Amino acid sequence: MNLLKRLYIKQVEVGPMQNYMYILGDQEKKEAVIVDPAWEVDRVLNIAKGDDMKVDKALITHTHFDHVNGIEDFLRLTGGCVYVHQKEAPFLKGMKSSIESVQGGQDIRAGEIVIKFLHTPGHTPGSQCFLVEDHLVSGDTLFINACGRCDLPGGNAEEMYRSLTEKLMKLDDRVLLLPGHNYSEEPVSSMGKEKRDNPYLGCKTLNEFLRFRMGTG
């Protein structure tokens, strides 16, 4: 079974902050999830519906407003369930019956497509990325030629460095990077290119990263 041929991915820019929402799924089974429901959830669900894809799950990279302000719309329109890292779940108040807390290392399926949860703290304590076949949906942890801010509440530059070096840098060069915002001329990169060109991934030590990311050392 060649799952890559079954893999369904749509990248959709939404909202005033150049967010990307994603639809991930199995185009044979017609089952899919969306990532970071915000701003224009109805439009994204209609894109999936137009391809006959059924969506009943939402995955959250982190709970900053610009990534989750459409959760209630998603729940109303689908009656589905939202998956968020356990360290972020407390921020989604009033939705407990529809929230599933997860940890790094777990996975879920959309049809036969496996989506793995990677806990990547640094931007927020419960930030997570999603690895699906040879694609990484990275939220605000890793951008094309950049990485997420660490100076907002809950941010931690040391944790970001460990997430980048101990987890994401170990991914195969062929893995395609799908970031959480349209901050680059290109919408997609690869881990190989980021390892070569991204200045944050080029930092050889924690102190070097701190000086570059936070202006400290």
Foldseek 3Di string as FASTA:
>chain_A
DPQVVQWDKDWDFADDQQFTKMWIAGLVVLEIEIEQDAHCNVVVVVVSVVSSHQYAEYEYQADDCRRHVCVVVSCVVRVHAYEFAPVRVVVPPPCVVRYDHDDFPDWDHRVPWIWGWHQQAALARRGIWIDTPQEIEREQADDQLEHHAQPDVRGDLLSSLCSVPVPVLPDDQRRKYQYGGDPDPDRIDTSVVCCVRRVLNVDPDSQSNCCVRPVGD
